[in-house]
Amino acid sequence: MLIERAMHDVWLSNTYVVADEPGGTAVFVDSGGPIESLLEAVERERLTVTHVLRTHGHTDHVVFEDELCRRFGVDVVTGSIQTGGLDIRALPTPGHSDDGVAFVINDEVCFTGDTLFRDAVGGGDPDRVRRSVMDMLMTLPPQTRVLPGHTDETTIGREWEHNPFVLAWRGAVPEGTEQVHVSGELATLVVWSPDYDGKGKAWVRFGDGRDAIVGGSRIERG
């Protein structure tokens, strides 16, 4: 398999092109990153693009979608397909968004969108995010490459061992007890992670029992 990536310099969102072999069949995964270098790769490797895969519909992942579909005369796909030598399995992963989907290609690599990152998870409904991560993604083989919707690659095995959210959800580390303010409201900081952008991601619990996964910029510590 051939995989090329391009990342947006502000959003840090990734666009990928995946091919079965040089001169073979290819798909794009998301379209929030700049596409120029990927179009050059398609031409250089003499690839036939058959589909654009969409992990979810947020703007920073679909901005170039219409351009790609027009250029190659292809459709957007959110389900499982077989195209050329690419066996693409769609896994429902709601939580960050209602339409969240991860794509496992040839049982080797998983494109996780904004559900799972290196050392973090996507913001959204904590119960749904947890189920998508733990009951769906963490059941994949540990050697599975994880190519997320933002920044750096990781593996399922690495996130099982090091992701602060995964460690807490599987009971490997205790939940935190630090008291913080979230947009001025008192809460308990259950989990803190660096997140893909270095600004932090937090799982917090409010006094009335509500849980939330929020960006670090909303947390006031100390």
N, C-alpha and C. Protein backbone atom coordinates (compact mmCIF):
# COMPACT_ATOMS: atom_id res chain seq x y z
N MET A 1 0.83 -1.19 0.00
CA MET A 1 0.00 0.00 0.00
C MET A 1 0.88 1.25 0.00
N LEU A 2 0.42 2.26 -0.73
CA LEU A 2 1.07 3.56 -0.74
C LEU A 2 0.19 4.56 0.00
N ILE A 3 0.77 5.35 0.89
CA ILE A 3 0.01 6.36 1.62
C ILE A 3 0.79 7.66 1.60
N GLU A 4 0.12 8.73 1.17
CA GLU A 4 0.70 10.07 1.21
C GLU A 4 -0.20 10.95 2.06
N ARG A 5 0.40 11.91 2.79
CA ARG A 5 -0.35 12.78 3.68
C ARG A 5 -0.01 14.24 3.42
N ALA A 6 -1.00 15.11 3.59
CA ALA A 6 -0.76 16.56 3.59
C ALA A 6 -1.55 17.15 4.75
N MET A 7 -0.94 18.12 5.47
CA MET A 7 -1.57 18.68 6.67
C MET A 7 -1.74 20.19 6.53
N HIS A 8 -2.92 20.68 6.91
CA HIS A 8 -3.21 22.10 6.89
C HIS A 8 -2.35 22.81 7.92
N ASP A 9 -1.76 23.96 7.56
CA ASP A 9 -0.81 24.60 8.47
C ASP A 9 -1.48 25.36 9.61
N VAL A 10 -2.79 25.58 9.55
CA VAL A 10 -3.52 26.24 10.64
C VAL A 10 -4.39 25.24 11.38
N TRP A 11 -5.24 24.53 10.66
CA TRP A 11 -6.15 23.56 11.29
C TRP A 11 -5.43 22.30 11.75
N LEU A 12 -4.25 22.02 11.19
CA LEU A 12 -3.51 20.78 11.45
C LEU A 12 -4.30 19.54 11.04
N SER A 13 -5.24 19.73 10.12
CA SER A 13 -6.06 18.61 9.63
C SER A 13 -5.37 17.93 8.45
N ASN A 14 -5.53 16.62 8.40
CA ASN A 14 -4.85 15.79 7.40
C ASN A 14 -5.76 15.41 6.24
N THR A 15 -5.18 15.37 5.06
CA THR A 15 -5.77 14.70 3.91
C THR A 15 -4.80 13.59 3.50
N TYR A 16 -5.35 12.44 3.18
CA TYR A 16 -4.53 11.30 2.78
C TYR A 16 -4.95 10.82 1.39
N VAL A 17 -4.00 10.30 0.64
CA VAL A 17 -4.30 9.51 -0.54
C VAL A 17 -3.69 8.13 -0.31
N VAL A 18 -4.49 7.09 -0.56
CA VAL A 18 -4.11 5.71 -0.29
C VAL A 18 -4.26 4.91 -1.58
N ALA A 19 -3.22 4.18 -1.96
CA ALA A 19 -3.26 3.39 -3.18
C ALA A 19 -2.84 1.96 -2.90
N ASP A 20 -3.36 1.04 -3.70
CA ASP A 20 -2.99 -0.36 -3.52
C ASP A 20 -1.58 -0.64 -4.03
N GLU A 21 -1.14 0.08 -5.09
CA GLU A 21 0.19 -0.11 -5.65
C GLU A 21 0.45 0.99 -6.67
N PRO A 22 1.70 1.21 -7.06
CA PRO A 22 1.96 2.17 -8.14
C PRO A 22 1.19 1.77 -9.41
N GLY A 23 0.57 2.77 -10.03
CA GLY A 23 -0.22 2.49 -11.22
C GLY A 23 -1.58 1.88 -10.93
N GLY A 24 -1.94 1.81 -9.66
CA GLY A 24 -3.18 1.12 -9.28
C GLY A 24 -4.31 2.05 -8.87
N THR A 25 -5.13 1.53 -7.97
CA THR A 25 -6.34 2.20 -7.52
C THR A 25 -6.07 2.99 -6.25
N ALA A 26 -6.71 4.16 -6.14
CA ALA A 26 -6.47 5.02 -4.99
C ALA A 26 -7.76 5.65 -4.50
N VAL A 27 -7.76 6.03 -3.22
CA VAL A 27 -8.85 6.80 -2.62
C VAL A 27 -8.23 7.95 -1.83
N PHE A 28 -8.97 9.03 -1.71
CA PHE A 28 -8.63 10.08 -0.77
C PHE A 28 -9.38 9.83 0.52
N VAL A 29 -8.75 10.17 1.64
CA VAL A 29 -9.41 10.12 2.94
C VAL A 29 -9.43 11.54 3.50
N ASP A 30 -10.63 12.08 3.64
CA ASP A 30 -10.86 13.45 4.08
C ASP A 30 -10.21 14.45 3.12
N SER A 31 -10.48 15.72 3.34
CA SER A 31 -9.99 16.72 2.37
C SER A 31 -9.79 18.08 3.04
N GLY A 32 -9.35 18.07 4.29
CA GLY A 32 -9.14 19.33 4.99
C GLY A 32 -7.74 19.86 4.85
N GLY A 33 -6.79 19.00 4.48
CA GLY A 33 -5.42 19.43 4.26
C GLY A 33 -5.22 19.87 2.82
N PRO A 34 -4.13 20.57 2.53
CA PRO A 34 -3.87 21.00 1.15
C PRO A 34 -3.69 19.80 0.23
N ILE A 35 -4.24 19.90 -0.96
CA ILE A 35 -4.28 18.73 -1.83
C ILE A 35 -3.26 18.77 -2.96
N GLU A 36 -2.53 19.87 -3.12
CA GLU A 36 -1.65 20.01 -4.28
C GLU A 36 -0.60 18.90 -4.34
N SER A 37 0.09 18.64 -3.23
CA SER A 37 1.13 17.62 -3.24
C SER A 37 0.54 16.22 -3.45
N LEU A 38 -0.69 16.03 -3.01
CA LEU A 38 -1.33 14.72 -3.20
C LEU A 38 -1.76 14.53 -4.65
N LEU A 39 -2.21 15.59 -5.28
CA LEU A 39 -2.52 15.51 -6.71
C LEU A 39 -1.26 15.19 -7.51
N GLU A 40 -0.13 15.77 -7.09
CA GLU A 40 1.13 15.45 -7.75
C GLU A 40 1.49 13.97 -7.55
N ALA A 41 1.21 13.44 -6.36
CA ALA A 41 1.49 12.02 -6.10
C ALA A 41 0.62 11.12 -6.97
N VAL A 42 -0.65 11.50 -7.13
CA VAL A 42 -1.55 10.72 -7.99
C VAL A 42 -1.01 10.66 -9.41
N GLU A 43 -0.54 11.81 -9.91
CA GLU A 43 0.00 11.84 -11.27
C GLU A 43 1.32 11.08 -11.35
N ARG A 44 2.18 11.30 -10.38
CA ARG A 44 3.50 10.66 -10.40
C ARG A 44 3.40 9.14 -10.35
N GLU A 45 2.48 8.63 -9.53
CA GLU A 45 2.33 7.18 -9.37
C GLU A 45 1.32 6.57 -10.34
N ARG A 46 0.75 7.42 -11.21
CA ARG A 46 -0.20 6.97 -12.23
C ARG A 46 -1.39 6.23 -11.60
N LEU A 47 -2.01 6.89 -10.62
CA LEU A 47 -3.08 6.27 -9.85
C LEU A 47 -4.45 6.61 -10.43
N THR A 48 -5.37 5.68 -10.27
CA THR A 48 -6.77 5.90 -10.64
C THR A 48 -7.57 6.09 -9.36
N VAL A 49 -8.03 7.30 -9.14
CA VAL A 49 -8.80 7.63 -7.93
C VAL A 49 -10.26 7.23 -8.15
N THR A 50 -10.80 6.45 -7.20
CA THR A 50 -12.17 5.95 -7.37
C THR A 50 -13.16 6.50 -6.36
N HIS A 51 -12.69 6.99 -5.21
CA HIS A 51 -13.61 7.46 -4.17
C HIS A 51 -12.92 8.49 -3.29
N VAL A 52 -13.73 9.29 -2.62
CA VAL A 52 -13.29 10.14 -1.52
C VAL A 52 -13.98 9.64 -0.26
N LEU A 53 -13.21 9.22 0.73
CA LEU A 53 -13.76 8.74 2.00
C LEU A 53 -13.88 9.91 2.97
N ARG A 54 -14.98 9.96 3.70
CA ARG A 54 -15.22 11.04 4.66
C ARG A 54 -15.40 10.46 6.06
N THR A 55 -14.49 10.86 6.97
CA THR A 55 -14.62 10.37 8.35
C THR A 55 -15.71 11.11 9.11
N HIS A 56 -15.93 12.37 8.80
CA HIS A 56 -17.03 13.14 9.37
C HIS A 56 -17.11 14.47 8.63
N GLY A 57 -18.23 15.17 8.81
CA GLY A 57 -18.51 16.30 7.94
C GLY A 57 -18.09 17.66 8.43
N HIS A 58 -17.23 17.76 9.43
CA HIS A 58 -16.78 19.07 9.90
C HIS A 58 -15.94 19.76 8.83
N THR A 59 -16.04 21.09 8.79
CA THR A 59 -15.44 21.87 7.71
C THR A 59 -13.97 21.58 7.50
N ASP A 60 -13.21 21.42 8.59
CA ASP A 60 -11.77 21.22 8.46
C ASP A 60 -11.40 19.84 7.93
N HIS A 61 -12.41 19.06 7.55
CA HIS A 61 -12.15 17.74 6.95
C HIS A 61 -12.80 17.56 5.58
N VAL A 62 -13.54 18.57 5.12
CA VAL A 62 -14.26 18.41 3.85
C VAL A 62 -14.07 19.60 2.92
N VAL A 63 -13.19 20.54 3.26
CA VAL A 63 -13.15 21.80 2.52
C VAL A 63 -12.81 21.62 1.04
N PHE A 64 -12.01 20.62 0.70
CA PHE A 64 -11.65 20.39 -0.71
C PHE A 64 -12.41 19.21 -1.32
N GLU A 65 -13.42 18.74 -0.62
CA GLU A 65 -14.14 17.55 -1.07
C GLU A 65 -14.78 17.73 -2.44
N ASP A 66 -15.49 18.83 -2.64
CA ASP A 66 -16.16 19.04 -3.93
C ASP A 66 -15.15 19.13 -5.07
N GLU A 67 -14.01 19.78 -4.81
CA GLU A 67 -12.99 19.89 -5.85
C GLU A 67 -12.46 18.52 -6.24
N LEU A 68 -12.20 17.66 -5.27
CA LEU A 68 -11.70 16.33 -5.58
C LEU A 68 -12.74 15.51 -6.35
N CYS A 69 -13.99 15.60 -5.93
CA CYS A 69 -15.05 14.84 -6.61
C CYS A 69 -15.20 15.29 -8.06
N ARG A 70 -15.13 16.61 -8.29
CA ARG A 70 -15.25 17.12 -9.66
C ARG A 70 -14.04 16.71 -10.50
N ARG A 71 -12.87 16.84 -9.93
CA ARG A 71 -11.65 16.56 -10.67
C ARG A 71 -11.60 15.11 -11.15
N PHE A 72 -11.98 14.18 -10.27
CA PHE A 72 -11.86 12.76 -10.60
C PHE A 72 -13.18 12.10 -10.97
N GLY A 73 -14.27 12.85 -10.90
CA GLY A 73 -15.57 12.28 -11.25
C GLY A 73 -15.98 11.15 -10.33
N VAL A 74 -15.75 11.33 -9.02
CA VAL A 74 -16.01 10.27 -8.05
C VAL A 74 -17.00 10.76 -7.00
N ASP A 75 -17.45 9.82 -6.17
CA ASP A 75 -18.41 10.13 -5.11
C ASP A 75 -17.75 10.05 -3.74
N VAL A 76 -18.43 10.69 -2.79
CA VAL A 76 -18.04 10.60 -1.38
C VAL A 76 -18.62 9.32 -0.79
N VAL A 77 -17.81 8.62 0.00
CA VAL A 77 -18.23 7.36 0.60
C VAL A 77 -18.06 7.44 2.12
N THR A 78 -19.05 6.93 2.85
CA THR A 78 -18.96 6.86 4.31
C THR A 78 -19.18 5.43 4.81
N GLY A 79 -19.21 4.47 3.90
CA GLY A 79 -19.41 3.07 4.28
C GLY A 79 -18.32 2.18 3.75
N SER A 80 -18.49 0.88 3.94
CA SER A 80 -17.49 -0.10 3.52
C SER A 80 -17.54 -0.31 2.00
N ILE A 81 -16.37 -0.42 1.38
CA ILE A 81 -16.29 -0.66 -0.06
C ILE A 81 -15.05 -1.52 -0.36
N GLN A 82 -15.07 -2.12 -1.54
CA GLN A 82 -13.90 -2.79 -2.10
C GLN A 82 -13.60 -2.09 -3.41
N THR A 83 -12.38 -1.60 -3.58
CA THR A 83 -12.01 -0.94 -4.82
C THR A 83 -10.57 -1.31 -5.16
N GLY A 84 -10.38 -1.90 -6.32
CA GLY A 84 -9.06 -2.39 -6.68
C GLY A 84 -8.55 -3.34 -5.62
N GLY A 85 -7.32 -3.13 -5.18
CA GLY A 85 -6.76 -3.96 -4.12
C GLY A 85 -6.95 -3.39 -2.73
N LEU A 86 -7.89 -2.48 -2.56
CA LEU A 86 -8.16 -1.87 -1.27
C LEU A 86 -9.46 -2.41 -0.69
N ASP A 87 -9.36 -3.10 0.43
CA ASP A 87 -10.53 -3.57 1.16
C ASP A 87 -10.78 -2.58 2.29
N ILE A 88 -11.85 -1.81 2.18
CA ILE A 88 -12.09 -0.69 3.09
C ILE A 88 -13.30 -1.01 3.96
N ARG A 89 -13.06 -1.08 5.27
CA ARG A 89 -14.10 -1.42 6.24
C ARG A 89 -14.41 -0.19 7.08
N ALA A 90 -15.68 0.22 7.07
CA ALA A 90 -16.10 1.40 7.82
C ALA A 90 -16.59 0.99 9.20
N LEU A 91 -16.07 1.66 10.23
CA LEU A 91 -16.47 1.41 11.61
C LEU A 91 -17.20 2.64 12.14
N PRO A 92 -18.43 2.51 12.61
CA PRO A 92 -19.13 3.68 13.17
C PRO A 92 -18.44 4.13 14.46
N THR A 93 -18.11 5.42 14.52
CA THR A 93 -17.43 5.96 15.70
C THR A 93 -18.03 7.31 16.09
N PRO A 94 -19.32 7.34 16.45
CA PRO A 94 -19.93 8.61 16.84
C PRO A 94 -19.41 9.07 18.20
N GLY A 95 -19.63 10.34 18.49
CA GLY A 95 -19.21 10.91 19.76
C GLY A 95 -18.69 12.31 19.55
N HIS A 96 -17.59 12.43 18.81
CA HIS A 96 -17.12 13.75 18.41
C HIS A 96 -18.12 14.40 17.47
N SER A 97 -18.71 13.57 16.63
CA SER A 97 -19.79 13.98 15.72
C SER A 97 -20.73 12.81 15.56
N ASP A 98 -21.97 13.10 15.21
CA ASP A 98 -22.94 12.02 15.03
C ASP A 98 -22.60 11.13 13.85
N ASP A 99 -21.90 11.67 12.85
CA ASP A 99 -21.62 10.93 11.63
C ASP A 99 -20.23 10.33 11.60
N GLY A 100 -19.55 10.27 12.74
CA GLY A 100 -18.17 9.81 12.76
C GLY A 100 -17.99 8.38 12.27
N VAL A 101 -17.00 8.19 11.40
CA VAL A 101 -16.67 6.87 10.85
C VAL A 101 -15.15 6.73 10.81
N ALA A 102 -14.65 5.57 11.17
CA ALA A 102 -13.24 5.23 10.97
C ALA A 102 -13.15 4.22 9.84
N PHE A 103 -12.08 4.28 9.08
CA PHE A 103 -11.90 3.36 7.95
C PHE A 103 -10.66 2.50 8.18
N VAL A 104 -10.86 1.19 8.19
CA VAL A 104 -9.76 0.23 8.26
C VAL A 104 -9.50 -0.28 6.84
N ILE A 105 -8.27 -0.11 6.37
CA ILE A 105 -7.94 -0.50 5.00
C ILE A 105 -6.94 -1.65 5.02
N ASN A 106 -7.37 -2.74 4.37
CA ASN A 106 -6.55 -3.96 4.24
C ASN A 106 -6.06 -4.47 5.59
N ASP A 107 -6.85 -4.23 6.63
CA ASP A 107 -6.52 -4.70 7.99
C ASP A 107 -5.14 -4.26 8.45
N GLU A 108 -4.63 -3.18 7.89
CA GLU A 108 -3.29 -2.69 8.24
C GLU A 108 -3.32 -1.31 8.89
N VAL A 109 -4.20 -0.45 8.42
CA VAL A 109 -4.18 0.94 8.83
C VAL A 109 -5.61 1.40 9.09
N CYS A 110 -5.77 2.25 10.11
CA CYS A 110 -7.09 2.77 10.46
C CYS A 110 -7.04 4.29 10.44
N PHE A 111 -7.92 4.88 9.64
CA PHE A 111 -8.07 6.32 9.58
C PHE A 111 -9.17 6.71 10.56
N THR A 112 -8.79 7.36 11.66
CA THR A 112 -9.70 7.52 12.79
C THR A 112 -10.40 8.87 12.85
N GLY A 113 -10.16 9.74 11.87
CA GLY A 113 -10.81 11.05 11.90
C GLY A 113 -10.49 11.78 13.19
N ASP A 114 -11.53 12.33 13.83
CA ASP A 114 -11.33 13.07 15.08
C ASP A 114 -11.79 12.26 16.30
N THR A 115 -11.79 10.94 16.19
CA THR A 115 -12.16 10.09 17.32
C THR A 115 -10.96 9.74 18.19
N LEU A 116 -9.85 9.36 17.56
CA LEU A 116 -8.65 8.95 18.29
C LEU A 116 -7.43 9.63 17.69
N PHE A 117 -6.63 10.27 18.56
CA PHE A 117 -5.37 10.89 18.19
C PHE A 117 -4.23 10.25 18.98
N ARG A 118 -3.03 10.64 18.66
CA ARG A 118 -1.89 10.29 19.50
C ARG A 118 -2.04 11.01 20.83
N ASP A 119 -2.21 10.26 21.90
CA ASP A 119 -2.31 10.77 23.27
C ASP A 119 -3.63 11.48 23.59
N ALA A 120 -4.62 11.42 22.72
CA ALA A 120 -5.86 12.14 23.00
C ALA A 120 -7.02 11.50 22.25
N VAL A 121 -8.21 12.04 22.51
CA VAL A 121 -9.42 11.63 21.79
C VAL A 121 -10.15 12.90 21.38
N GLY A 122 -11.18 12.74 20.57
CA GLY A 122 -11.96 13.89 20.15
C GLY A 122 -12.89 14.38 21.24
N GLY A 123 -13.14 15.68 21.24
CA GLY A 123 -14.13 16.23 22.15
C GLY A 123 -15.53 15.82 21.74
N GLY A 124 -16.44 15.83 22.70
CA GLY A 124 -17.81 15.45 22.41
C GLY A 124 -18.44 14.73 23.58
N ASP A 125 -19.50 13.98 23.31
CA ASP A 125 -20.19 13.24 24.35
C ASP A 125 -19.27 12.15 24.92
N PRO A 126 -18.92 12.23 26.21
CA PRO A 126 -17.91 11.31 26.75
C PRO A 126 -18.28 9.84 26.65
N ASP A 127 -19.55 9.51 26.90
CA ASP A 127 -19.96 8.10 26.83
C ASP A 127 -19.84 7.55 25.42
N ARG A 128 -20.25 8.34 24.45
CA ARG A 128 -20.19 7.88 23.06
C ARG A 128 -18.75 7.83 22.56
N VAL A 129 -17.95 8.83 22.93
CA VAL A 129 -16.53 8.79 22.55
C VAL A 129 -15.86 7.57 23.17
N ARG A 130 -16.13 7.30 24.45
CA ARG A 130 -15.54 6.14 25.11
C ARG A 130 -15.92 4.85 24.40
N ARG A 131 -17.18 4.68 24.07
CA ARG A 131 -17.62 3.45 23.40
C ARG A 131 -16.94 3.31 22.04
N SER A 132 -16.86 4.42 21.30
CA SER A 132 -16.23 4.35 19.98
C SER A 132 -14.76 3.99 20.09
N VAL A 133 -14.07 4.55 21.08
CA VAL A 133 -12.65 4.27 21.25
C VAL A 133 -12.42 2.87 21.81
N MET A 134 -13.08 2.55 22.93
CA MET A 134 -12.79 1.32 23.64
C MET A 134 -13.45 0.09 23.03
N ASP A 135 -14.70 0.22 22.60
CA ASP A 135 -15.43 -0.95 22.09
C ASP A 135 -15.22 -1.18 20.60
N MET A 136 -14.72 -0.17 19.91
CA MET A 136 -14.54 -0.30 18.46
C MET A 136 -13.05 -0.26 18.10
N LEU A 137 -12.39 0.85 18.36
CA LEU A 137 -11.01 1.01 17.88
C LEU A 137 -10.01 0.17 18.67
N MET A 138 -10.17 0.10 20.00
CA MET A 138 -9.20 -0.64 20.80
C MET A 138 -9.33 -2.15 20.67
N THR A 139 -10.31 -2.62 19.93
CA THR A 139 -10.40 -4.06 19.65
C THR A 139 -9.60 -4.44 18.40
N LEU A 140 -9.07 -3.44 17.68
CA LEU A 140 -8.23 -3.74 16.52
C LEU A 140 -6.87 -4.28 16.99
N PRO A 141 -6.17 -5.02 16.14
CA PRO A 141 -4.85 -5.53 16.52
C PRO A 141 -3.91 -4.39 16.93
N PRO A 142 -3.06 -4.61 17.94
CA PRO A 142 -2.21 -3.54 18.46
C PRO A 142 -1.25 -2.97 17.42
N GLN A 143 -0.88 -3.75 16.43
CA GLN A 143 0.05 -3.26 15.42
C GLN A 143 -0.61 -2.38 14.37
N THR A 144 -1.93 -2.24 14.42
CA THR A 144 -2.65 -1.44 13.43
C THR A 144 -2.17 0.01 13.47
N ARG A 145 -1.76 0.51 12.32
CA ARG A 145 -1.38 1.92 12.22
C ARG A 145 -2.62 2.80 12.36
N VAL A 146 -2.49 3.88 13.09
CA VAL A 146 -3.58 4.83 13.26
C VAL A 146 -3.17 6.14 12.59
N LEU A 147 -3.93 6.53 11.57
CA LEU A 147 -3.70 7.80 10.89
C LEU A 147 -4.89 8.70 11.20
N PRO A 148 -4.70 9.64 12.13
CA PRO A 148 -5.82 10.44 12.62
C PRO A 148 -6.14 11.63 11.72
N GLY A 149 -7.21 12.31 12.07
CA GLY A 149 -7.63 13.47 11.30
C GLY A 149 -6.75 14.69 11.50
N HIS A 150 -5.92 14.67 12.56
CA HIS A 150 -5.02 15.78 12.82
C HIS A 150 -3.65 15.25 13.25
N THR A 151 -2.63 15.82 12.74
CA THR A 151 -1.22 15.63 13.08
C THR A 151 -0.76 14.17 13.00
N ASP A 152 -0.09 13.67 14.04
CA ASP A 152 0.83 12.55 13.87
C ASP A 152 0.21 11.16 13.94
N GLU A 153 0.87 10.26 13.22
CA GLU A 153 0.51 8.85 13.21
C GLU A 153 0.82 8.20 14.55
N THR A 154 0.09 7.13 14.87
CA THR A 154 0.38 6.32 16.04
C THR A 154 -0.05 4.89 15.73
N THR A 155 -0.19 4.06 16.76
CA THR A 155 -0.71 2.71 16.58
C THR A 155 -1.73 2.43 17.67
N ILE A 156 -2.55 1.44 17.44
CA ILE A 156 -3.51 1.03 18.47
C ILE A 156 -2.78 0.60 19.74
N GLY A 157 -1.71 -0.16 19.59
CA GLY A 157 -0.96 -0.63 20.75
C GLY A 157 -0.36 0.51 21.56
N ARG A 158 0.17 1.52 20.87
CA ARG A 158 0.74 2.65 21.60
C ARG A 158 -0.33 3.38 22.39
N GLU A 159 -1.49 3.60 21.77
CA GLU A 159 -2.55 4.33 22.48
C GLU A 159 -3.10 3.51 23.65
N TRP A 160 -3.14 2.20 23.53
CA TRP A 160 -3.55 1.33 24.64
C TRP A 160 -2.63 1.52 25.84
N GLU A 161 -1.34 1.71 25.57
CA GLU A 161 -0.36 1.79 26.64
C GLU A 161 -0.12 3.21 27.15
N HIS A 162 -0.40 4.23 26.32
CA HIS A 162 0.04 5.58 26.68
C HIS A 162 -1.04 6.66 26.64
N ASN A 163 -2.13 6.44 25.95
CA ASN A 163 -3.15 7.48 25.84
C ASN A 163 -3.82 7.69 27.20
N PRO A 164 -3.78 8.90 27.77
CA PRO A 164 -4.35 9.11 29.11
C PRO A 164 -5.83 8.77 29.21
N PHE A 165 -6.60 9.01 28.17
CA PHE A 165 -8.01 8.65 28.21
C PHE A 165 -8.20 7.14 28.23
N VAL A 166 -7.48 6.46 27.35
CA VAL A 166 -7.60 5.00 27.29
C VAL A 166 -7.15 4.38 28.61
N LEU A 167 -6.07 4.87 29.19
CA LEU A 167 -5.58 4.34 30.46
C LEU A 167 -6.64 4.47 31.56
N ALA A 168 -7.31 5.61 31.60
CA ALA A 168 -8.36 5.81 32.61
C ALA A 168 -9.57 4.93 32.33
N TRP A 169 -9.97 4.84 31.06
CA TRP A 169 -11.16 4.06 30.72
C TRP A 169 -10.96 2.58 30.98
N ARG A 170 -9.75 2.09 30.84
CA ARG A 170 -9.54 0.66 31.09
C ARG A 170 -9.09 0.38 32.53
N GLY A 171 -9.09 1.43 33.36
CA GLY A 171 -8.80 1.25 34.78
C GLY A 171 -7.34 1.06 35.10
N ALA A 172 -6.44 1.40 34.17
CA ALA A 172 -5.01 1.23 34.41
C ALA A 172 -4.45 2.34 35.29
N VAL A 173 -5.10 3.48 35.30
CA VAL A 173 -4.72 4.59 36.19
C VAL A 173 -5.98 5.13 36.83
N PRO A 174 -5.88 5.69 38.04
CA PRO A 174 -7.08 6.22 38.69
C PRO A 174 -7.53 7.53 38.05
N GLU A 175 -8.81 7.82 38.19
CA GLU A 175 -9.32 9.11 37.73
C GLU A 175 -8.74 10.23 38.59
N GLY A 176 -8.53 11.39 37.99
CA GLY A 176 -7.97 12.52 38.70
C GLY A 176 -8.98 13.16 39.64
N THR A 177 -8.47 13.95 40.58
CA THR A 177 -9.32 14.60 41.58
C THR A 177 -9.08 16.11 41.65
N GLU A 178 -8.20 16.63 40.80
CA GLU A 178 -7.89 18.06 40.86
C GLU A 178 -9.12 18.90 40.56
N GLN A 179 -9.33 19.95 41.34
CA GLN A 179 -10.44 20.86 41.13
C GLN A 179 -10.01 21.99 40.19
N VAL A 180 -10.82 22.22 39.17
CA VAL A 180 -10.53 23.24 38.16
C VAL A 180 -11.81 24.02 37.86
N HIS A 181 -11.67 25.05 37.07
CA HIS A 181 -12.84 25.77 36.56
C HIS A 181 -12.90 25.58 35.04
N VAL A 182 -14.09 25.29 34.54
CA VAL A 182 -14.33 25.12 33.11
C VAL A 182 -15.26 26.25 32.68
N SER A 183 -14.70 27.20 31.97
CA SER A 183 -15.48 28.39 31.60
C SER A 183 -16.17 28.98 32.82
N GLY A 184 -15.46 29.00 33.93
CA GLY A 184 -15.95 29.61 35.16
C GLY A 184 -16.71 28.69 36.08
N GLU A 185 -17.02 27.46 35.64
CA GLU A 185 -17.79 26.52 36.46
C GLU A 185 -16.85 25.51 37.12
N LEU A 186 -17.03 25.28 38.41
CA LEU A 186 -16.19 24.35 39.15
C LEU A 186 -16.41 22.93 38.67
N ALA A 187 -15.30 22.18 38.51
CA ALA A 187 -15.38 20.79 38.04
C ALA A 187 -14.16 20.03 38.53
N THR A 188 -14.24 18.70 38.44
CA THR A 188 -13.11 17.83 38.73
C THR A 188 -12.42 17.44 37.42
N LEU A 189 -11.10 17.57 37.42
CA LEU A 189 -10.32 17.19 36.24
C LEU A 189 -10.04 15.69 36.32
N VAL A 190 -10.78 14.91 35.54
CA VAL A 190 -10.67 13.46 35.58
C VAL A 190 -9.45 12.99 34.79
N VAL A 191 -9.26 13.56 33.59
CA VAL A 191 -8.12 13.20 32.72
C VAL A 191 -7.63 14.47 32.03
N TRP A 192 -6.32 14.59 31.94
CA TRP A 192 -5.69 15.65 31.14
C TRP A 192 -4.73 15.01 30.15
N SER A 193 -4.78 15.46 28.89
CA SER A 193 -3.82 14.98 27.90
C SER A 193 -3.29 16.17 27.12
N PRO A 194 -2.12 16.01 26.47
CA PRO A 194 -1.54 17.13 25.72
C PRO A 194 -2.33 17.50 24.47
N ASP A 195 -3.07 16.58 23.90
CA ASP A 195 -3.84 16.76 22.67
C ASP A 195 -2.92 16.96 21.49
N TYR A 196 -3.51 16.88 20.28
CA TYR A 196 -2.70 16.92 19.07
C TYR A 196 -2.09 18.29 18.81
N ASP A 197 -2.72 19.36 19.31
CA ASP A 197 -2.23 20.70 19.03
C ASP A 197 -1.38 21.28 20.16
N GLY A 198 -1.14 20.49 21.22
CA GLY A 198 -0.34 20.94 22.33
C GLY A 198 -1.07 21.83 23.32
N LYS A 199 -2.35 22.09 23.08
CA LYS A 199 -3.11 22.98 23.96
C LYS A 199 -3.87 22.23 25.05
N GLY A 200 -3.88 20.91 24.97
CA GLY A 200 -4.51 20.11 26.01
C GLY A 200 -5.93 19.71 25.68
N LYS A 201 -6.32 18.56 26.23
CA LYS A 201 -7.69 18.05 26.13
C LYS A 201 -8.03 17.47 27.50
N ALA A 202 -9.25 17.72 27.98
CA ALA A 202 -9.60 17.33 29.34
C ALA A 202 -10.95 16.62 29.38
N TRP A 203 -11.01 15.61 30.24
CA TRP A 203 -12.27 14.99 30.65
C TRP A 203 -12.56 15.57 32.03
N VAL A 204 -13.71 16.23 32.16
CA VAL A 204 -14.07 16.89 33.42
C VAL A 204 -15.43 16.39 33.89
N ARG A 205 -15.64 16.51 35.21
CA ARG A 205 -16.91 16.11 35.81
C ARG A 205 -17.41 17.27 36.68
N PHE A 206 -18.61 17.73 36.37
CA PHE A 206 -19.19 18.84 37.10
C PHE A 206 -19.90 18.35 38.36
N GLY A 207 -20.24 19.29 39.24
CA GLY A 207 -20.82 18.94 40.52
C GLY A 207 -22.15 18.22 40.43
N ASP A 208 -22.88 18.43 39.34
CA ASP A 208 -24.18 17.77 39.18
C ASP A 208 -24.05 16.41 38.51
N GLY A 209 -22.81 15.93 38.30
CA GLY A 209 -22.58 14.61 37.72
C GLY A 209 -22.37 14.60 36.22
N ARG A 210 -22.53 15.73 35.56
CA ARG A 210 -22.29 15.80 34.11
C ARG A 210 -20.81 15.63 33.80
N ASP A 211 -20.50 14.86 32.77
CA ASP A 211 -19.14 14.73 32.27
C ASP A 211 -19.03 15.43 30.93
N ALA A 212 -17.83 15.88 30.60
CA ALA A 212 -17.57 16.51 29.30
C ALA A 212 -16.12 16.30 28.92
N ILE A 213 -15.87 16.24 27.62
CA ILE A 213 -14.51 16.25 27.08
C ILE A 213 -14.35 17.58 26.36
N VAL A 214 -13.43 18.40 26.84
CA VAL A 214 -13.33 19.77 26.35
C VAL A 214 -11.88 20.12 26.03
N GLY A 215 -11.70 21.16 25.22
CA GLY A 215 -10.38 21.64 24.91
C GLY A 215 -9.73 22.29 26.10
N GLY A 216 -8.39 22.20 26.13
CA GLY A 216 -7.66 22.71 27.27
C GLY A 216 -7.79 24.20 27.49
N SER A 217 -8.12 24.95 26.44
CA SER A 217 -8.26 26.40 26.59
C SER A 217 -9.41 26.79 27.49
N ARG A 218 -10.33 25.87 27.75
CA ARG A 218 -11.47 26.16 28.62
C ARG A 218 -11.17 25.87 30.08
N ILE A 219 -10.00 25.28 30.36
CA ILE A 219 -9.67 24.85 31.72
C ILE A 219 -8.83 25.91 32.44
N GLU A 220 -9.26 26.27 33.63
CA GLU A 220 -8.46 27.13 34.50
C GLU A 220 -7.99 26.27 35.68
N ARG A 221 -6.65 26.11 35.77
CA ARG A 221 -6.07 25.26 36.81
C ARG A 221 -5.36 26.12 37.85
N GLY A 222 -5.28 25.60 39.07
CA GLY A 222 -4.47 26.24 40.11
C GLY A 222 -5.18 27.38 40.81
